[in-house]
Amino acid sequence: MIGADELAADLAGTGVDVFTYVPEVLPEACLVLEPDQDYLIDGDTFDRSTFTGRGVLWALVDLLGNEQAATDLDALLTQVLPVIRSSEWSLVAMTKPGPLNNGVWLAYGAALTITNPNVPIV
């Protein structure tokens, strides 16, 4: 995802796998960083040298049962949220946590909508 390399590297410090694509097989816990709707929007800098980037960060854990999965997801989020806060990205919204099924895998997680107003034009 354009402009998210540094965030992905910082998120790797949480100790879980970070993917910039939706993997076919999920590890026990992982983060998936992918573009969102309105992925790149014209920036508001004077020289229009940046875009506002918008992405979704999926925080996913193994669905071992809702109670354990909810505990595991909360633990993952307590590691992830400070990383987002200390980056150029901002948390805009988060979906209600729950079971997720993309037709290939089943996990428990939540989608965090994030934005960055300073994605440079390469």
PDB file of N, CA and C in Angstrom:
ATOM      1  N   MET A   1       0.857  -1.170   0.000  1.00  0.00           N
ATOM      2  CA  MET A   1       0.000   0.000   0.000  1.00  0.00           C
ATOM      3  C   MET A   1       0.903   1.233   0.000  1.00  0.00           C
ATOM      4  N   ILE A   2       0.666   2.143  -0.892  1.00  0.00           N
ATOM      5  CA  ILE A   2       1.497   3.337  -1.026  1.00  0.00           C
ATOM      6  C   ILE A   2       1.516   4.120   0.283  1.00  0.00           C
ATOM      7  N   GLY A   3       2.702   4.472   0.748  1.00  0.00           N
ATOM      8  CA  GLY A   3       2.841   5.291   1.940  1.00  0.00           C
ATOM      9  C   GLY A   3       2.750   4.550   3.254  1.00  0.00           C
ATOM     10  N   ALA A   4       2.646   3.227   3.226  1.00  0.00           N
ATOM     11  CA  ALA A   4       2.444   2.484   4.466  1.00  0.00           C
ATOM     12  C   ALA A   4       3.626   1.600   4.849  1.00  0.00           C
ATOM     13  N   ASP A   5       4.733   1.699   4.126  1.00  0.00           N
ATOM     14  CA  ASP A   5       5.878   0.840   4.428  1.00  0.00           C
ATOM     15  C   ASP A   5       6.389   1.052   5.851  1.00  0.00           C
ATOM     16  N   GLU A   6       6.506   2.314   6.259  1.00  0.00           N
ATOM     17  CA  GLU A   6       7.010   2.613   7.597  1.00  0.00           C
ATOM     18  C   GLU A   6       6.047   2.103   8.665  1.00  0.00           C
ATOM     19  N   LEU A   7       4.743   2.273   8.439  1.00  0.00           N
ATOM     20  CA  LEU A   7       3.763   1.780   9.395  1.00  0.00           C
ATOM     21  C   LEU A   7       3.850   0.255   9.493  1.00  0.00           C
ATOM     22  N   ALA A   8       3.969  -0.431   8.369  1.00  0.00           N
ATOM     23  CA  ALA A   8       4.072  -1.889   8.380  1.00  0.00           C
ATOM     24  C   ALA A   8       5.310  -2.328   9.160  1.00  0.00           C
ATOM     25  N   ALA A   9       6.429  -1.627   8.965  1.00  0.00           N
ATOM     26  CA  ALA A   9       7.657  -1.965   9.692  1.00  0.00           C
ATOM     27  C   ALA A   9       7.470  -1.732  11.188  1.00  0.00           C
ATOM     28  N   ASP A  10       6.827  -0.626  11.561  1.00  0.00           N
ATOM     29  CA  ASP A  10       6.576  -0.350  12.975  1.00  0.00           C
ATOM     30  C   ASP A  10       5.635  -1.397  13.585  1.00  0.00           C
ATOM     31  N   LEU A  11       4.617  -1.799  12.828  1.00  0.00           N
ATOM     32  CA  LEU A  11       3.674  -2.794  13.324  1.00  0.00           C
ATOM     33  C   LEU A  11       4.332  -4.155  13.508  1.00  0.00           C
ATOM     34  N   ALA A  12       5.373  -4.433  12.733  1.00  0.00           N
ATOM     35  CA  ALA A  12       6.094  -5.700  12.881  1.00  0.00           C
ATOM     36  C   ALA A  12       6.701  -5.819  14.277  1.00  0.00           C
ATOM     37  N   GLY A  13       6.933  -4.682  14.931  1.00  0.00           N
ATOM     38  CA  GLY A  13       7.450  -4.678  16.295  1.00  0.00           C
ATOM     39  C   GLY A  13       6.477  -5.237  17.319  1.00  0.00           C
ATOM     40  N   THR A  14       5.230  -5.459  16.928  1.00  0.00           N
ATOM     41  CA  THR A  14       4.254  -6.040  17.855  1.00  0.00           C
ATOM     42  C   THR A  14       4.488  -7.531  18.047  1.00  0.00           C
ATOM     43  N   GLY A  15       5.316  -8.120  17.185  1.00  0.00           N
ATOM     44  CA  GLY A  15       5.610  -9.544  17.307  1.00  0.00           C
ATOM     45  C   GLY A  15       4.689 -10.457  16.530  1.00  0.00           C
ATOM     46  N   VAL A  16       3.735  -9.885  15.796  1.00  0.00           N
ATOM     47  CA  VAL A  16       2.862 -10.712  14.955  1.00  0.00           C
ATOM     48  C   VAL A  16       3.179 -10.434  13.490  1.00  0.00           C
ATOM     49  N   ASP A  17       2.799 -11.362  12.632  1.00  0.00           N
ATOM     50  CA  ASP A  17       3.031 -11.183  11.199  1.00  0.00           C
ATOM     51  C   ASP A  17       2.200 -10.024  10.678  1.00  0.00           C
ATOM     52  N   VAL A  18       2.805  -9.220   9.793  1.00  0.00           N
ATOM     53  CA  VAL A  18       2.122  -8.100   9.152  1.00  0.00           C
ATOM     54  C   VAL A  18       2.133  -8.364   7.650  1.00  0.00           C
ATOM     55  N   PHE A  19       0.958  -8.367   7.050  1.00  0.00           N
ATOM     56  CA  PHE A  19       0.821  -8.606   5.615  1.00  0.00           C
ATOM     57  C   PHE A  19       0.300  -7.343   4.939  1.00  0.00           C
ATOM     58  N   THR A  20       0.751  -7.095   3.730  1.00  0.00           N
ATOM     59  CA  THR A  20       0.221  -5.981   2.931  1.00  0.00           C
ATOM     60  C   THR A  20      -0.705  -6.521   1.842  1.00  0.00           C
ATOM     61  N   TYR A  21      -1.203  -7.702   2.057  1.00  0.00           N
ATOM     62  CA  TYR A  21      -2.172  -8.374   1.187  1.00  0.00           C
ATOM     63  C   TYR A  21      -2.937  -9.352   2.061  1.00  0.00           C
ATOM     64  N   VAL A  22      -4.066  -9.829   1.602  1.00  0.00           N
ATOM     65  CA  VAL A  22      -4.836 -10.806   2.366  1.00  0.00           C
ATOM     66  C   VAL A  22      -4.247 -12.191   2.097  1.00  0.00           C
ATOM     67  N   PRO A  23      -3.657 -12.820   3.116  1.00  0.00           N
ATOM     68  CA  PRO A  23      -3.026 -14.123   2.905  1.00  0.00           C
ATOM     69  C   PRO A  23      -4.051 -15.245   2.742  1.00  0.00           C
ATOM     70  N   GLU A  24      -3.620 -16.310   2.091  1.00  0.00           N
ATOM     71  CA  GLU A  24      -4.502 -17.470   1.909  1.00  0.00           C
ATOM     72  C   GLU A  24      -4.653 -18.248   3.213  1.00  0.00           C
ATOM     73  N   VAL A  25      -3.601 -18.265   4.021  1.00  0.00           N
ATOM     74  CA  VAL A  25      -3.610 -18.966   5.297  1.00  0.00           C
ATOM     75  C   VAL A  25      -3.179 -17.975   6.378  1.00  0.00           C
ATOM     76  N   LEU A  26      -3.902 -17.963   7.477  1.00  0.00           N
ATOM     77  CA  LEU A  26      -3.596 -17.032   8.561  1.00  0.00           C
ATOM     78  C   LEU A  26      -2.799 -17.716   9.666  1.00  0.00           C
ATOM     79  N   PRO A  27      -1.797 -17.015  10.206  1.00  0.00           N
ATOM     80  CA  PRO A  27      -1.171 -17.514  11.434  1.00  0.00           C
ATOM     81  C   PRO A  27      -2.126 -17.281  12.605  1.00  0.00           C
ATOM     82  N   GLU A  28      -1.726 -17.673  13.813  1.00  0.00           N
ATOM     83  CA  GLU A  28      -2.608 -17.516  14.977  1.00  0.00           C
ATOM     84  C   GLU A  28      -3.078 -16.086  15.181  1.00  0.00           C
ATOM     85  N   ALA A  29      -2.186 -15.133  14.979  1.00  0.00           N
ATOM     86  CA  ALA A  29      -2.539 -13.716  15.071  1.00  0.00           C
ATOM     87  C   ALA A  29      -1.771 -12.981  13.985  1.00  0.00           C
ATOM     88  N   CYS A  30      -2.408 -11.988  13.376  1.00  0.00           N
ATOM     89  CA  CYS A  30      -1.716 -11.235  12.337  1.00  0.00           C
ATOM     90  C   CYS A  30      -2.411  -9.895  12.114  1.00  0.00           C
ATOM     91  N   LEU A  31      -1.722  -9.050  11.370  1.00  0.00           N
ATOM     92  CA  LEU A  31      -2.256  -7.766  10.938  1.00  0.00           C
ATOM     93  C   LEU A  31      -2.207  -7.740   9.420  1.00  0.00           C
ATOM     94  N   VAL A  32      -3.289  -7.293   8.803  1.00  0.00           N
ATOM     95  CA  VAL A  32      -3.346  -7.186   7.348  1.00  0.00           C
ATOM     96  C   VAL A  32      -3.622  -5.735   7.013  1.00  0.00           C
ATOM     97  N   LEU A  33      -2.712  -5.123   6.272  1.00  0.00           N
ATOM     98  CA  LEU A  33      -2.805  -3.717   5.901  1.00  0.00           C
ATOM     99  C   LEU A  33      -3.141  -3.649   4.417  1.00  0.00           C
ATOM    100  N   GLU A  34      -4.296  -3.068   4.090  1.00  0.00           N
ATOM    101  CA  GLU A  34      -4.699  -2.986   2.689  1.00  0.00           C
ATOM    102  C   GLU A  34      -5.416  -1.673   2.402  1.00  0.00           C
ATOM    103  N   PRO A  35      -5.466  -1.277   1.129  1.00  0.00           N
ATOM    104  CA  PRO A  35      -6.158  -0.032   0.761  1.00  0.00           C
ATOM    105  C   PRO A  35      -7.652  -0.108   1.088  1.00  0.00           C
ATOM    106  N   ASP A  36      -8.231   1.063   1.345  1.00  0.00           N
ATOM    107  CA  ASP A  36      -9.659   1.165   1.611  1.00  0.00           C
ATOM    108  C   ASP A  36     -10.328   1.873   0.434  1.00  0.00           C
ATOM    109  N   GLN A  37     -11.643   2.015   0.489  1.00  0.00           N
ATOM    110  CA  GLN A  37     -12.349   2.843  -0.487  1.00  0.00           C
ATOM    111  C   GLN A  37     -11.738   4.239  -0.438  1.00  0.00           C
ATOM    112  N   ASP A  38     -11.762   4.967  -1.535  1.00  0.00           N
ATOM    113  CA  ASP A  38     -11.122   6.288  -1.598  1.00  0.00           C
ATOM    114  C   ASP A  38      -9.676   6.193  -1.122  1.00  0.00           C
ATOM    115  N   TYR A  39      -8.967   5.208  -1.661  1.00  0.00           N
ATOM    116  CA  TYR A  39      -7.606   4.865  -1.259  1.00  0.00           C
ATOM    117  C   TYR A  39      -6.667   6.066  -1.249  1.00  0.00           C
ATOM    118  N   LEU A  40      -6.634   6.838  -2.342  1.00  0.00           N
ATOM    119  CA  LEU A  40      -5.831   8.059  -2.396  1.00  0.00           C
ATOM    120  C   LEU A  40      -6.721   9.218  -2.806  1.00  0.00           C
ATOM    121  N   ILE A  41      -6.661  10.277  -2.024  1.00  0.00           N
ATOM    122  CA  ILE A  41      -7.470  11.468  -2.275  1.00  0.00           C
ATOM    123  C   ILE A  41      -6.510  12.637  -2.422  1.00  0.00           C
ATOM    124  N   ASP A  42      -6.802  13.553  -3.326  1.00  0.00           N
ATOM    125  CA  ASP A  42      -5.949  14.731  -3.497  1.00  0.00           C
ATOM    126  C   ASP A  42      -5.678  15.383  -2.158  1.00  0.00           C
ATOM    127  N   GLY A  43      -4.414  15.686  -1.905  1.00  0.00           N
ATOM    128  CA  GLY A  43      -4.035  16.335  -0.654  1.00  0.00           C
ATOM    129  C   GLY A  43      -4.393  17.803  -0.654  1.00  0.00           C
ATOM    130  N   ASP A  44      -4.212  18.446   0.494  1.00  0.00           N
ATOM    131  CA  ASP A  44      -4.560  19.857   0.584  1.00  0.00           C
ATOM    132  C   ASP A  44      -3.319  20.740   0.775  1.00  0.00           C
ATOM    133  N   THR A  45      -2.139  20.229   0.387  1.00  0.00           N
ATOM    134  CA  THR A  45      -0.948  21.066   0.458  1.00  0.00           C
ATOM    135  C   THR A  45      -0.957  22.063  -0.686  1.00  0.00           C
ATOM    136  N   PHE A  46      -0.283  23.161  -0.516  1.00  0.00           N
ATOM    137  CA  PHE A  46      -0.274  24.232  -1.516  1.00  0.00           C
ATOM    138  C   PHE A  46       0.200  23.735  -2.879  1.00  0.00           C
ATOM    139  N   ASP A  47       1.262  22.957  -2.892  1.00  0.00           N
ATOM    140  CA  ASP A  47       1.814  22.502  -4.180  1.00  0.00           C
ATOM    141  C   ASP A  47       1.243  21.153  -4.623  1.00  0.00           C
ATOM    142  N   ARG A  48       0.278  20.624  -3.871  1.00  0.00           N
ATOM    143  CA  ARG A  48      -0.383  19.349  -4.173  1.00  0.00           C
ATOM    144  C   ARG A  48       0.633  18.226  -4.336  1.00  0.00           C
ATOM    145  N   SER A  49       1.663  18.231  -3.490  1.00  0.00           N
ATOM    146  CA  SER A  49       2.702  17.222  -3.583  1.00  0.00           C
ATOM    147  C   SER A  49       2.393  15.967  -2.766  1.00  0.00           C
ATOM    148  N   THR A  50       1.294  15.966  -2.055  1.00  0.00           N
ATOM    149  CA  THR A  50       0.923  14.787  -1.274  1.00  0.00           C
ATOM    150  C   THR A  50      -0.539  14.424  -1.499  1.00  0.00           C
ATOM    151  N   PHE A  51      -0.840  13.200  -1.180  1.00  0.00           N
ATOM    152  CA  PHE A  51      -2.208  12.701  -1.182  1.00  0.00           C
ATOM    153  C   PHE A  51      -2.593  12.343   0.250  1.00  0.00           C
ATOM    154  N   THR A  52      -3.871  12.238   0.500  1.00  0.00           N
ATOM    155  CA  THR A  52      -4.341  11.638   1.738  1.00  0.00           C
ATOM    156  C   THR A  52      -4.591  10.174   1.434  1.00  0.00           C
ATOM    157  N   GLY A  53      -3.913   9.303   2.164  1.00  0.00           N
ATOM    158  CA  GLY A  53      -4.076   7.863   1.975  1.00  0.00           C
ATOM    159  C   GLY A  53      -5.065   7.310   2.981  1.00  0.00           C
ATOM    160  N   ARG A  54      -5.814   6.319   2.558  1.00  0.00           N
ATOM    161  CA  ARG A  54      -6.815   5.701   3.429  1.00  0.00           C
ATOM    162  C   ARG A  54      -6.658   4.190   3.321  1.00  0.00           C
ATOM    163  N   GLY A  55      -6.569   3.535   4.462  1.00  0.00           N
ATOM    164  CA  GLY A  55      -6.392   2.090   4.458  1.00  0.00           C
ATOM    165  C   GLY A  55      -7.208   1.421   5.543  1.00  0.00           C
ATOM    166  N   VAL A  56      -7.181   0.101   5.494  1.00  0.00           N
ATOM    167  CA  VAL A  56      -7.817  -0.716   6.524  1.00  0.00           C
ATOM    168  C   VAL A  56      -6.738  -1.611   7.119  1.00  0.00           C
ATOM    169  N   LEU A  57      -6.661  -1.598   8.418  1.00  0.00           N
ATOM    170  CA  LEU A  57      -5.759  -2.484   9.136  1.00  0.00           C
ATOM    171  C   LEU A  57      -6.624  -3.521   9.835  1.00  0.00           C
ATOM    172  N   TRP A  58      -6.546  -4.759   9.349  1.00  0.00           N
ATOM    173  CA  TRP A  58      -7.304  -5.848   9.956  1.00  0.00           C
ATOM    174  C   TRP A  58      -6.468  -6.433  11.086  1.00  0.00           C
ATOM    175  N   ALA A  59      -6.992  -6.453  12.287  1.00  0.00           N
ATOM    176  CA  ALA A  59      -6.362  -7.120  13.424  1.00  0.00           C
ATOM    177  C   ALA A  59      -7.089  -8.446  13.601  1.00  0.00           C
ATOM    178  N   LEU A  60      -6.376  -9.553  13.390  1.00  0.00           N
ATOM    179  CA  LEU A  60      -7.010 -10.868  13.347  1.00  0.00           C
ATOM    180  C   LEU A  60      -6.332 -11.835  14.316  1.00  0.00           C
ATOM    181  N   VAL A  61      -7.145 -12.625  14.990  1.00  0.00           N
ATOM    182  CA  VAL A  61      -6.641 -13.679  15.874  1.00  0.00           C
ATOM    183  C   VAL A  61      -7.397 -14.962  15.577  1.00  0.00           C
ATOM    184  N   ASP A  62      -6.852 -16.070  16.072  1.00  0.00           N
ATOM    185  CA  ASP A  62      -7.449 -17.382  15.871  1.00  0.00           C
ATOM    186  C   ASP A  62      -8.800 -17.442  16.576  1.00  0.00           C
ATOM    187  N   LEU A  63      -9.776 -18.011  15.908  1.00  0.00           N
ATOM    188  CA  LEU A  63     -11.114 -18.137  16.490  1.00  0.00           C
ATOM    189  C   LEU A  63     -11.173 -19.440  17.287  1.00  0.00           C
ATOM    190  N   LEU A  64     -10.736 -19.356  18.548  1.00  0.00           N
ATOM    191  CA  LEU A  64     -10.707 -20.527  19.428  1.00  0.00           C
ATOM    192  C   LEU A  64     -11.966 -20.626  20.273  1.00  0.00           C
ATOM    193  N   GLY A  65     -12.895 -19.787  20.015  1.00  0.00           N
ATOM    194  CA  GLY A  65     -14.069 -19.598  20.855  1.00  0.00           C
ATOM    195  C   GLY A  65     -14.136 -18.111  21.131  1.00  0.00           C
ATOM    196  N   ASN A  66     -15.309 -17.556  21.150  1.00  0.00           N
ATOM    197  CA  ASN A  66     -15.456 -16.104  21.226  1.00  0.00           C
ATOM    198  C   ASN A  66     -14.784 -15.478  22.443  1.00  0.00           C
ATOM    199  N   GLU A  67     -14.878 -16.118  23.619  1.00  0.00           N
ATOM    200  CA  GLU A  67     -14.306 -15.509  24.819  1.00  0.00           C
ATOM    201  C   GLU A  67     -12.787 -15.414  24.717  1.00  0.00           C
ATOM    202  N   GLN A  68     -12.119 -16.509  24.340  1.00  0.00           N
ATOM    203  CA  GLN A  68     -10.657 -16.482  24.211  1.00  0.00           C
ATOM    204  C   GLN A  68     -10.229 -15.564  23.076  1.00  0.00           C
ATOM    205  N   ALA A  69     -10.960 -15.608  21.962  1.00  0.00           N
ATOM    206  CA  ALA A  69     -10.615 -14.760  20.816  1.00  0.00           C
ATOM    207  C   ALA A  69     -10.751 -13.282  21.176  1.00  0.00           C
ATOM    208  N   ALA A  70     -11.791 -12.928  21.925  1.00  0.00           N
ATOM    209  CA  ALA A  70     -11.969 -11.530  22.325  1.00  0.00           C
ATOM    210  C   ALA A  70     -10.820 -11.078  23.221  1.00  0.00           C
ATOM    211  N   THR A  71     -10.384 -11.931  24.121  1.00  0.00           N
ATOM    212  CA  THR A  71      -9.241 -11.620  25.002  1.00  0.00           C
ATOM    213  C   THR A  71      -7.974 -11.447  24.175  1.00  0.00           C
ATOM    214  N   ASP A  72      -7.744 -12.368  23.222  1.00  0.00           N
ATOM    215  CA  ASP A  72      -6.558 -12.298  22.370  1.00  0.00           C
ATOM    216  C   ASP A  72      -6.572 -11.037  21.503  1.00  0.00           C
ATOM    217  N   LEU A  73      -7.743 -10.692  20.966  1.00  0.00           N
ATOM    218  CA  LEU A  73      -7.841  -9.494  20.128  1.00  0.00           C
ATOM    219  C   LEU A  73      -7.580  -8.237  20.960  1.00  0.00           C
ATOM    220  N   ASP A  74      -8.133  -8.175  22.149  1.00  0.00           N
ATOM    221  CA  ASP A  74      -7.879  -7.019  23.021  1.00  0.00           C
ATOM    222  C   ASP A  74      -6.383  -6.865  23.294  1.00  0.00           C
ATOM    223  N   ALA A  75      -5.703  -7.984  23.534  1.00  0.00           N
ATOM    224  CA  ALA A  75      -4.261  -7.938  23.791  1.00  0.00           C
ATOM    225  C   ALA A  75      -3.512  -7.425  22.559  1.00  0.00           C
ATOM    226  N   LEU A  76      -3.924  -7.865  21.371  1.00  0.00           N
ATOM    227  CA  LEU A  76      -3.292  -7.409  20.133  1.00  0.00           C
ATOM    228  C   LEU A  76      -3.538  -5.913  19.917  1.00  0.00           C
ATOM    229  N   LEU A  77      -4.772  -5.479  20.149  1.00  0.00           N
ATOM    230  CA  LEU A  77      -5.098  -4.063  19.953  1.00  0.00           C
ATOM    231  C   LEU A  77      -4.327  -3.155  20.906  1.00  0.00           C
ATOM    232  N   THR A  78      -4.056  -3.619  22.122  1.00  0.00           N
ATOM    233  CA  THR A  78      -3.292  -2.789  23.057  1.00  0.00           C
ATOM    234  C   THR A  78      -1.855  -2.603  22.577  1.00  0.00           C
ATOM    235  N   GLN A  79      -1.375  -3.488  21.702  1.00  0.00           N
ATOM    236  CA  GLN A  79      -0.050  -3.319  21.105  1.00  0.00           C
ATOM    237  C   GLN A  79      -0.114  -2.463  19.843  1.00  0.00           C
ATOM    238  N   VAL A  80      -1.182  -2.605  19.083  1.00  0.00           N
ATOM    239  CA  VAL A  80      -1.306  -1.946  17.777  1.00  0.00           C
ATOM    240  C   VAL A  80      -1.658  -0.461  17.898  1.00  0.00           C
ATOM    241  N   LEU A  81      -2.586  -0.123  18.758  1.00  0.00           N
ATOM    242  CA  LEU A  81      -3.064   1.260  18.835  1.00  0.00           C
ATOM    243  C   LEU A  81      -1.964   2.272  19.165  1.00  0.00           C
ATOM    244  N   PRO A  82      -1.057   1.994  20.095  1.00  0.00           N
ATOM    245  CA  PRO A  82       0.027   2.959  20.321  1.00  0.00           C
ATOM    246  C   PRO A  82       0.940   3.141  19.105  1.00  0.00           C
ATOM    247  N   VAL A  83       1.129   2.086  18.313  1.00  0.00           N
ATOM    248  CA  VAL A  83       1.951   2.196  17.106  1.00  0.00           C
ATOM    249  C   VAL A  83       1.284   3.131  16.103  1.00  0.00           C
ATOM    250  N   ILE A  84      -0.020   2.985  15.927  1.00  0.00           N
ATOM    251  CA  ILE A  84      -0.744   3.872  15.010  1.00  0.00           C
ATOM    252  C   ILE A  84      -0.655   5.313  15.509  1.00  0.00           C
ATOM    253  N   ARG A  85      -0.874   5.498  16.793  1.00  0.00           N
ATOM    254  CA  ARG A  85      -0.856   6.846  17.371  1.00  0.00           C
ATOM    255  C   ARG A  85       0.502   7.523  17.189  1.00  0.00           C
ATOM    256  N   SER A  86       1.591   6.762  17.240  1.00  0.00           N
ATOM    257  CA  SER A  86       2.926   7.354  17.126  1.00  0.00           C
ATOM    258  C   SER A  86       3.396   7.485  15.677  1.00  0.00           C
ATOM    259  N   SER A  87       2.574   7.086  14.722  1.00  0.00           N
ATOM    260  CA  SER A  87       2.935   7.172  13.302  1.00  0.00           C
ATOM    261  C   SER A  87       2.250   8.383  12.662  1.00  0.00           C
ATOM    262  N   GLU A  88       2.424   8.521  11.351  1.00  0.00           N
ATOM    263  CA  GLU A  88       1.731   9.589  10.617  1.00  0.00           C
ATOM    264  C   GLU A  88       0.278   9.217  10.315  1.00  0.00           C
ATOM    265  N   TRP A  89      -0.094   8.000  10.640  1.00  0.00           N
ATOM    266  CA  TRP A  89      -1.448   7.527  10.387  1.00  0.00           C
ATOM    267  C   TRP A  89      -2.342   7.826  11.577  1.00  0.00           C
ATOM    268  N   SER A  90      -3.634   8.017  11.315  1.00  0.00           N
ATOM    269  CA  SER A  90      -4.614   8.277  12.367  1.00  0.00           C
ATOM    270  C   SER A  90      -5.724   7.249  12.288  1.00  0.00           C
ATOM    271  N   LEU A  91      -6.210   6.837  13.432  1.00  0.00           N
ATOM    272  CA  LEU A  91      -7.352   5.933  13.497  1.00  0.00           C
ATOM    273  C   LEU A  91      -8.621   6.741  13.302  1.00  0.00           C
ATOM    274  N   VAL A  92      -9.415   6.374  12.308  1.00  0.00           N
ATOM    275  CA  VAL A  92     -10.652   7.084  11.999  1.00  0.00           C
ATOM    276  C   VAL A  92     -11.856   6.345  12.574  1.00  0.00           C
ATOM    277  N   ALA A  93     -11.834   5.024  12.463  1.00  0.00           N
ATOM    278  CA  ALA A  93     -12.961   4.214  12.926  1.00  0.00           C
ATOM    279  C   ALA A  93     -12.503   2.778  13.118  1.00  0.00           C
ATOM    280  N   MET A  94     -13.300   2.028  13.851  1.00  0.00           N
ATOM    281  CA  MET A  94     -13.026   0.606  14.048  1.00  0.00           C
ATOM    282  C   MET A  94     -14.347  -0.133  14.073  1.00  0.00           C
ATOM    283  N   THR A  95     -14.403  -1.257  13.367  1.00  0.00           N
ATOM    284  CA  THR A  95     -15.628  -2.049  13.364  1.00  0.00           C
ATOM    285  C   THR A  95     -15.776  -2.798  14.686  1.00  0.00           C
ATOM    286  N   LYS A  96     -16.966  -3.251  14.920  1.00  0.00           N
ATOM    287  CA  LYS A  96     -17.242  -4.086  16.088  1.00  0.00           C
ATOM    288  C   LYS A  96     -16.474  -5.401  15.921  1.00  0.00           C
ATOM    289  N   PRO A  97     -15.714  -5.825  16.918  1.00  0.00           N
ATOM    290  CA  PRO A  97     -15.002  -7.098  16.815  1.00  0.00           C
ATOM    291  C   PRO A  97     -15.971  -8.263  16.708  1.00  0.00           C
ATOM    292  N   GLY A  98     -15.541  -9.288  15.994  1.00  0.00           N
ATOM    293  CA  GLY A  98     -16.358 -10.478  15.863  1.00  0.00           C
ATOM    294  C   GLY A  98     -15.753 -11.459  14.884  1.00  0.00           C
ATOM    295  N   PRO A  99     -16.421 -12.590  14.655  1.00  0.00           N
ATOM    296  CA  PRO A  99     -15.934 -13.589  13.708  1.00  0.00           C
ATOM    297  C   PRO A  99     -15.942 -13.028  12.287  1.00  0.00           C
ATOM    298  N   LEU A 100     -14.916 -13.355  11.514  1.00  0.00           N
ATOM    299  CA  LEU A 100     -14.786 -12.920  10.123  1.00  0.00           C
ATOM    300  C   LEU A 100     -14.533 -14.135   9.251  1.00  0.00           C
ATOM    301  N   ASN A 101     -15.190 -14.191   8.112  1.00  0.00           N
ATOM    302  CA  ASN A 101     -15.025 -15.315   7.192  1.00  0.00           C
ATOM    303  C   ASN A 101     -14.937 -14.758   5.783  1.00  0.00           C
ATOM    304  N   ASN A 102     -13.788 -14.962   5.113  1.00  0.00           N
ATOM    305  CA  ASN A 102     -13.655 -14.477   3.741  1.00  0.00           C
ATOM    306  C   ASN A 102     -13.860 -15.592   2.722  1.00  0.00           C
ATOM    307  N   GLY A 103     -14.356 -16.743   3.157  1.00  0.00           N
ATOM    308  CA  GLY A 103     -14.586 -17.862   2.257  1.00  0.00           C
ATOM    309  C   GLY A 103     -13.416 -18.826   2.222  1.00  0.00           C
ATOM    310  N   VAL A 104     -12.262 -18.392   2.686  1.00  0.00           N
ATOM    311  CA  VAL A 104     -11.073 -19.248   2.715  1.00  0.00           C
ATOM    312  C   VAL A 104     -10.666 -19.537   4.159  1.00  0.00           C
ATOM    313  N   TRP A 105     -10.717 -18.516   5.004  1.00  0.00           N
ATOM    314  CA  TRP A 105     -10.346 -18.690   6.404  1.00  0.00           C
ATOM    315  C   TRP A 105     -11.376 -18.059   7.313  1.00  0.00           C
ATOM    316  N   LEU A 106     -11.359 -18.510   8.563  1.00  0.00           N
ATOM    317  CA  LEU A 106     -12.238 -17.981   9.600  1.00  0.00           C
ATOM    318  C   LEU A 106     -11.351 -17.441  10.712  1.00  0.00           C
ATOM    319  N   ALA A 107     -11.610 -16.228  11.145  1.00  0.00           N
ATOM    320  CA  ALA A 107     -10.823 -15.600  12.205  1.00  0.00           C
ATOM    321  C   ALA A 107     -11.742 -14.738  13.049  1.00  0.00           C
ATOM    322  N   TYR A 108     -11.191 -14.194  14.111  1.00  0.00           N
ATOM    323  CA  TYR A 108     -11.890 -13.239  14.951  1.00  0.00           C
ATOM    324  C   TYR A 108     -11.100 -11.946  14.860  1.00  0.00           C
ATOM    325  N   GLY A 109     -11.773 -10.830  14.624  1.00  0.00           N
ATOM    326  CA  GLY A 109     -10.999  -9.613  14.481  1.00  0.00           C
ATOM    327  C   GLY A 109     -11.848  -8.378  14.314  1.00  0.00           C
ATOM    328  N   ALA A 110     -11.154  -7.312  13.925  1.00  0.00           N
ATOM    329  CA  ALA A 110     -11.797  -6.024  13.704  1.00  0.00           C
ATOM    330  C   ALA A 110     -11.031  -5.293  12.614  1.00  0.00           C
ATOM    331  N   ALA A 111     -11.728  -4.415  11.907  1.00  0.00           N
ATOM    332  CA  ALA A 111     -11.114  -3.595  10.864  1.00  0.00           C
ATOM    333  C   ALA A 111     -10.945  -2.185  11.392  1.00  0.00           C
ATOM    334  N   LEU A 112      -9.724  -1.682  11.337  1.00  0.00           N
ATOM    335  CA  LEU A 112      -9.419  -0.331  11.777  1.00  0.00           C
ATOM    336  C   LEU A 112      -9.206   0.528  10.539  1.00  0.00           C
ATOM    337  N   THR A 113     -10.026   1.547  10.338  1.00  0.00           N
ATOM    338  CA  THR A 113      -9.860   2.465   9.219  1.00  0.00           C
ATOM    339  C   THR A 113      -8.845   3.521   9.632  1.00  0.00           C
ATOM    340  N   ILE A 114      -7.800   3.675   8.810  1.00  0.00           N
ATOM    341  CA  ILE A 114      -6.727   4.609   9.132  1.00  0.00           C
ATOM    342  C   ILE A 114      -6.499   5.553   7.954  1.00  0.00           C
ATOM    343  N   THR A 115      -6.033   6.761   8.253  1.00  0.00           N
ATOM    344  CA  THR A 115      -5.721   7.727   7.202  1.00  0.00           C
ATOM    345  C   THR A 115      -4.370   8.379   7.486  1.00  0.00           C
ATOM    346  N   ASN A 116      -3.747   8.861   6.412  1.00  0.00           N
ATOM    347  CA  ASN A 116      -2.490   9.599   6.500  1.00  0.00           C
ATOM    348  C   ASN A 116      -2.580  10.766   5.515  1.00  0.00           C
ATOM    349  N   PRO A 117      -2.564  12.001   5.988  1.00  0.00           N
ATOM    350  CA  PRO A 117      -2.699  13.165   5.103  1.00  0.00           C
ATOM    351  C   PRO A 117      -1.418  13.528   4.353  1.00  0.00           C
ATOM    352  N   ASN A 118      -0.346  12.772   4.550  1.00  0.00           N
ATOM    353  CA  ASN A 118       0.945  13.147   3.968  1.00  0.00           C
ATOM    354  C   ASN A 118       1.585  12.064   3.132  1.00  0.00           C
ATOM    355  N   VAL A 119       0.812  11.398   2.286  1.00  0.00           N
ATOM    356  CA  VAL A 119       1.381  10.386   1.412  1.00  0.00           C
ATOM    357  C   VAL A 119       2.002  11.108   0.211  1.00  0.00           C
ATOM    358  N   PRO A 120       3.339  11.028   0.068  1.00  0.00           N
ATOM    359  CA  PRO A 120       3.993  11.775  -1.018  1.00  0.00           C
ATOM    360  C   PRO A 120       3.746  11.153  -2.385  1.00  0.00           C
ATOM    361  N   ILE A 121       3.748  12.000  -3.390  1.00  0.00           N
ATOM    362  CA  ILE A 121       3.667  11.525  -4.772  1.00  0.00           C
ATOM    363  C   ILE A 121       5.069  11.086  -5.161  1.00  0.00           C
ATOM    364  N   VAL A 122       5.187   9.890  -5.664  1.00  0.00           N
ATOM    365  CA  VAL A 122       6.514   9.361  -6.033  1.00  0.00           C
ATOM    366  C   VAL A 122       6.813   9.694  -7.466  1.00  0.00           C
TER     367      VAL A 122
END
